[in-house]
Amino acid sequence: MRFSVTVILLSFVSLLAAQDVKLSLECQKSWPPGKAVPVTVIIERGTTGGFARFFQDLPQGFIVEPVETNGADFYWDNNQVNLVWVKLPNAPVIRVQYLVTPDASLSGSFRLGGRIDYIIGESERKIAELQPVLIRLDRNAEVTDAVRVEALPATQKVDQGAERPATVKENPKADSPKVDFRVQVAIASQRLLKEELESRIGCSLKYDIITLKSANMYKYQSGSFRKYQESAEYLNDLKQCGVRDAFIVAFLDGEQISIELARSLTE
């Protein structure tokens, strides 16, 4: 039995015509498990030409491979697609494509959305989120070329409350994304004060701790560095003090990212 394939298009237009950005996402609504399905992201950048990051979450059991990145750094990390431009290309329309392969054992459905963060001018940050669409995993579906159909509206947000990235003259890449490296020193099932944590790991911490809760566990991180080398030196100091399980983690605007991605944005 052959199922017709419907292709969805999600788009948004920014609130300010002078700085308009239009994002479109093309893909099938029915995906065959075990086969690679093309997903295309189209950015009509308007007058915006600085930092931009598109990311999209997928469930467990998917593999993503880039096809065309159009100048973006492509990362598939923790079930999240990341397309990062330190500076958007000059072309008015930017297309990127990647292949998404659901594991052959998967079934059911999931919602597919996406979000783009971008910088206007020196430091004005804007966020736009695509309305999620329902994707079915259908063993009878076939992979076809995407065709645009009527667009579904998406929401546009202006992130007025977000901290503006600091301007660092020596490193132009740091003007847009706010990347920080930290050293994770311990994980525990209960919340600890800094003094209690230091007693447990047997070492005094030079910097304040940042506590993150994940499920029923607490992650304890120390320090906040703009450069990887600074965090590596601090990690080495802690290991010499006996904190053998410490390691470096990285964040972009408060969201954890891979060390590889963080270093590409800061070096």
Protein backbone atom coordinates (compact mmCIF):
# COMPACT_ATOMS: atom_id res chain seq x y z
CA MET A 1 0.00 0.00 0.00
CA ARG A 2 1.44 3.36 -1.04
CA PHE A 3 0.88 6.36 1.20
CA SER A 4 0.89 9.85 -0.26
CA VAL A 5 3.57 12.01 1.25
CA THR A 6 2.69 15.47 2.48
CA VAL A 7 5.48 17.94 2.96
CA ILE A 8 5.17 20.67 5.53
CA LEU A 9 6.65 24.12 5.50
CA LEU A 10 7.10 26.12 8.66
CA SER A 11 7.96 29.78 8.39
CA PHE A 12 8.17 32.97 10.29
CA VAL A 13 8.78 36.62 9.58
CA SER A 14 10.38 38.83 12.16
CA LEU A 15 8.51 41.69 13.77
CA LEU A 16 10.83 44.37 12.41
CA ALA A 17 10.67 44.74 8.64
CA ALA A 18 14.06 46.42 8.56
CA GLN A 19 15.69 43.39 10.15
CA ASP A 20 13.39 40.70 8.79
CA VAL A 21 14.43 37.06 8.92
CA LYS A 22 12.36 34.31 7.35
CA LEU A 23 12.97 30.68 8.27
CA SER A 24 11.48 27.70 6.44
CA LEU A 25 11.72 24.00 7.25
CA GLU A 26 10.88 21.42 4.59
CA CYS A 27 10.34 17.75 5.33
CA GLN A 28 7.93 14.88 4.86
CA LYS A 29 5.20 14.26 7.42
CA SER A 30 5.65 10.47 7.13
CA TRP A 31 9.11 9.00 7.71
CA PRO A 32 10.05 5.37 6.96
CA PRO A 33 12.05 3.83 9.84
CA GLY A 34 15.50 2.68 8.77
CA LYS A 35 15.70 5.08 5.82
CA ALA A 36 17.35 8.49 5.55
CA VAL A 37 14.87 11.36 5.16
CA PRO A 38 16.09 14.76 3.89
CA VAL A 39 15.33 17.82 6.00
CA THR A 40 16.02 21.24 4.51
CA VAL A 41 16.34 24.50 6.43
CA ILE A 42 15.96 27.71 4.41
CA ILE A 43 16.91 31.08 5.86
CA GLU A 44 16.00 34.31 4.08
CA ARG A 45 18.21 36.51 6.19
CA GLY A 46 17.01 39.97 5.19
CA THR A 47 19.50 42.51 6.55
CA THR A 48 20.73 40.26 9.36
CA GLY A 49 24.31 39.11 8.85
CA GLY A 50 25.81 38.29 12.24
CA PHE A 51 25.79 35.29 14.55
CA ALA A 52 22.96 32.77 14.18
CA ARG A 53 22.24 29.35 15.63
CA PHE A 54 19.48 26.99 14.52
CA PHE A 55 18.79 23.95 16.65
CA GLN A 56 16.28 21.14 16.58
CA ASP A 57 15.64 18.32 19.04
CA LEU A 58 14.92 14.74 17.98
CA PRO A 59 13.94 11.69 20.07
CA GLN A 60 16.30 8.88 21.00
CA GLY A 61 17.14 6.44 18.22
CA PHE A 62 17.83 8.86 15.36
CA ILE A 63 21.02 9.45 13.37
CA VAL A 64 21.66 12.75 11.59
CA GLU A 65 24.25 13.40 8.86
CA PRO A 66 24.94 16.72 7.10
CA VAL A 67 24.52 17.08 3.34
CA GLU A 68 24.96 20.82 2.69
CA THR A 69 25.90 23.23 5.50
CA ASN A 70 26.38 26.48 3.54
CA GLY A 71 29.08 27.81 5.82
CA ALA A 72 27.56 26.62 9.10
CA ASP A 73 29.31 24.46 11.65
CA PHE A 74 27.11 21.36 11.88
CA TYR A 75 26.88 19.36 15.10
CA TRP A 76 24.76 16.38 16.07
CA ASP A 77 25.07 16.15 19.84
CA ASN A 78 22.77 14.84 22.60
CA ASN A 79 19.93 14.23 20.11
CA GLN A 80 20.07 17.84 18.95
CA VAL A 81 20.86 19.26 15.52
CA ASN A 82 22.95 22.44 15.71
CA LEU A 83 23.75 24.74 12.80
CA VAL A 84 25.99 27.59 13.92
CA TRP A 85 27.13 30.59 11.91
CA VAL A 86 29.59 32.97 13.55
CA LYS A 87 28.58 35.24 10.67
CA LEU A 88 25.78 34.47 8.22
CA PRO A 89 26.77 34.29 4.54
CA ASN A 90 26.03 37.32 2.37
CA ALA A 91 23.61 35.39 0.16
CA PRO A 92 19.98 36.51 0.63
CA VAL A 93 18.80 32.88 0.82
CA ILE A 94 20.77 30.28 2.78
CA ARG A 95 19.89 26.60 2.38
CA VAL A 96 21.21 23.74 4.48
CA GLN A 97 20.23 20.10 4.35
CA TYR A 98 20.78 17.04 6.50
CA LEU A 99 19.59 13.44 6.48
CA VAL A 100 17.66 12.04 9.43
CA THR A 101 17.48 8.25 9.82
CA PRO A 102 15.10 6.77 12.41
CA ASP A 103 16.16 3.41 13.78
CA ALA A 104 14.41 0.57 11.96
CA SER A 105 12.84 -0.63 15.22
CA LEU A 106 11.07 2.66 15.95
CA SER A 107 7.35 3.29 15.50
CA GLY A 108 4.74 5.84 16.50
CA SER A 109 4.99 9.60 16.09
CA PHE A 110 6.75 12.66 17.47
CA ARG A 111 6.63 16.44 17.17
CA LEU A 112 9.28 18.23 15.15
CA GLY A 113 9.96 21.91 15.68
CA GLY A 114 13.02 24.09 15.76
CA ARG A 115 14.37 27.42 16.92
CA ILE A 116 16.77 30.03 15.66
CA ASP A 117 18.71 32.52 17.78
CA TYR A 118 20.30 35.41 15.93
CA ILE A 119 22.06 38.69 16.63
CA ILE A 120 21.11 42.07 15.17
CA GLY A 121 23.69 44.83 15.24
CA GLU A 122 26.28 44.58 17.99
CA SER A 123 24.36 42.67 20.64
CA GLU A 124 20.57 42.68 20.16
CA ARG A 125 19.45 39.07 20.40
CA LYS A 126 16.25 37.67 18.92
CA ILE A 127 14.65 34.24 19.13
CA ALA A 128 12.09 32.59 16.87
CA GLU A 129 10.44 29.22 17.46
CA LEU A 130 8.70 27.08 14.87
CA GLN A 131 5.39 25.53 15.79
CA PRO A 132 5.95 21.77 16.20
CA VAL A 133 4.38 19.51 13.58
CA LEU A 134 3.45 15.85 14.04
CA ILE A 135 5.74 13.40 12.20
CA ARG A 136 4.58 9.79 11.76
CA LEU A 137 6.98 6.86 11.54
CA ASP A 138 5.35 4.78 8.82
CA ARG A 139 6.91 1.60 7.41
CA ASN A 140 4.88 2.03 4.22
CA ALA A 141 6.06 5.57 3.58
CA GLU A 142 8.59 6.35 0.87
CA VAL A 143 11.31 8.97 0.74
CA THR A 144 10.44 11.65 -1.82
CA ASP A 145 11.69 15.07 -2.82
CA ALA A 146 10.32 17.88 -0.67
CA VAL A 147 7.78 20.22 -2.25
CA ARG A 148 6.63 23.42 -0.59
CA VAL A 149 3.03 23.65 0.51
CA GLU A 150 1.09 26.28 2.45
CA ALA A 151 3.10 27.52 5.40
CA LEU A 152 2.10 27.17 9.02
CA PRO A 153 2.72 30.21 11.23
CA ALA A 154 5.44 30.24 13.84
CA THR A 155 5.96 32.40 16.89
CA GLN A 156 8.50 35.21 17.02
CA LYS A 157 10.12 36.27 20.28
CA VAL A 158 12.37 39.16 21.15
CA ASP A 159 14.64 38.12 23.98
CA GLN A 160 14.65 41.40 25.89
CA GLY A 161 15.57 39.92 29.25
CA ALA A 162 18.58 37.93 28.12
CA GLU A 163 22.04 39.03 29.14
CA ARG A 164 23.79 40.83 26.33
CA PRO A 165 27.04 39.24 25.27
CA ALA A 166 30.16 41.07 26.41
CA THR A 167 32.32 42.80 23.82
CA VAL A 168 35.84 41.41 23.76
CA LYS A 169 38.02 43.32 21.31
CA GLU A 170 40.74 40.68 21.20
CA ASN A 171 38.28 37.98 20.09
CA PRO A 172 35.59 39.11 17.62
CA LYS A 173 33.88 35.70 17.79
CA ALA A 174 32.97 36.33 21.42
CA ASP A 175 30.96 39.47 20.54
CA SER A 176 27.89 37.42 19.64
CA PRO A 177 27.51 34.05 21.40
CA LYS A 178 28.05 33.90 25.15
CA VAL A 179 30.11 30.75 25.64
CA ASP A 180 31.51 29.72 29.00
CA PHE A 181 33.56 26.73 30.09
CA ARG A 182 33.18 25.25 33.57
CA VAL A 183 34.75 22.41 35.51
CA GLN A 184 32.32 19.83 36.87
CA VAL A 185 33.76 18.56 40.14
CA ALA A 186 31.09 16.20 41.49
CA ILE A 187 27.62 14.69 41.18
CA ALA A 188 25.59 13.94 44.31
CA SER A 189 22.07 12.88 45.25
CA GLN A 190 21.66 15.76 47.71
CA ARG A 191 22.22 19.49 47.60
CA LEU A 192 25.51 20.58 49.16
CA LEU A 193 26.87 23.92 50.29
CA LYS A 194 30.29 24.92 48.97
CA GLU A 195 31.96 24.02 52.27
CA GLU A 196 30.28 20.60 52.30
CA LEU A 197 31.31 19.97 48.70
CA GLU A 198 34.92 20.94 49.43
CA SER A 199 34.95 18.56 52.39
CA ARG A 200 33.59 15.73 50.24
CA ILE A 201 36.11 16.16 47.40
CA GLY A 202 38.97 17.01 49.76
CA CYS A 203 39.95 20.20 47.97
CA SER A 204 39.26 23.92 48.29
CA LEU A 205 37.56 25.49 45.28
CA LYS A 206 38.98 28.75 43.98
CA TYR A 207 35.68 29.80 42.38
CA ASP A 208 32.02 29.77 43.39
CA ILE A 209 30.00 26.67 42.56
CA ILE A 210 27.13 26.43 40.10
CA THR A 211 24.56 23.77 41.00
CA LEU A 212 22.40 22.16 38.31
CA LYS A 213 19.68 19.63 39.08
CA SER A 214 19.13 16.78 36.63
CA ALA A 215 16.41 14.28 37.56
CA ASN A 216 17.22 13.38 41.18
CA MET A 217 20.91 14.27 40.98
CA TYR A 218 22.84 17.50 41.52
CA LYS A 219 25.74 18.49 39.30
CA TYR A 220 28.36 20.74 40.89
CA GLN A 221 30.41 22.97 38.60
CA SER A 222 33.07 25.53 39.47
CA GLY A 223 34.39 28.50 37.53
CA SER A 224 33.16 30.26 34.40
CA PHE A 225 35.77 30.84 31.70
CA ARG A 226 35.55 32.44 28.28
CA LYS A 227 38.50 30.42 26.96
CA TYR A 228 38.99 26.66 26.98
CA GLN A 229 42.64 26.92 28.00
CA GLU A 230 41.70 28.76 31.20
CA SER A 231 39.30 25.98 32.19
CA ALA A 232 41.91 23.35 31.30
CA GLU A 233 44.43 24.99 33.63
CA TYR A 234 41.87 25.06 36.44
CA LEU A 235 41.02 21.40 35.78
CA ASN A 236 44.70 20.51 36.02
CA ASP A 237 44.95 22.31 39.38
CA LEU A 238 41.97 20.36 40.72
CA LYS A 239 43.36 17.03 39.53
CA GLN A 240 46.66 17.78 41.24
CA CYS A 241 44.61 18.46 44.38
CA GLY A 242 43.11 14.98 44.08
CA VAL A 243 39.79 15.65 42.32
CA ARG A 244 40.28 12.84 39.80
CA ASP A 245 36.72 12.75 38.43
CA ALA A 246 36.56 16.43 37.43
CA PHE A 247 36.02 17.32 33.77
CA ILE A 248 35.23 20.34 31.58
CA VAL A 249 31.72 21.22 30.39
CA ALA A 250 30.64 24.04 28.07
CA PHE A 251 27.55 26.23 27.75
CA LEU A 252 26.17 28.55 25.08
CA ASP A 253 23.82 31.19 26.50
CA GLY A 254 23.08 28.89 29.43
CA GLU A 255 22.49 25.71 27.39
CA GLN A 256 25.02 22.89 27.54
CA ILE A 257 26.82 22.18 24.28
CA SER A 258 29.71 19.98 23.21
CA ILE A 259 33.28 21.06 23.95
CA GLU A 260 34.01 20.86 20.22
CA LEU A 261 31.25 23.34 19.38
CA ALA A 262 32.24 25.69 22.21
CA ARG A 263 35.88 25.77 21.11
CA SER A 264 34.91 26.47 17.51
CA LEU A 265 33.05 29.57 18.68
CA THR A 266 35.83 30.93 20.88
CA GLU A 267 39.14 30.04 19.21
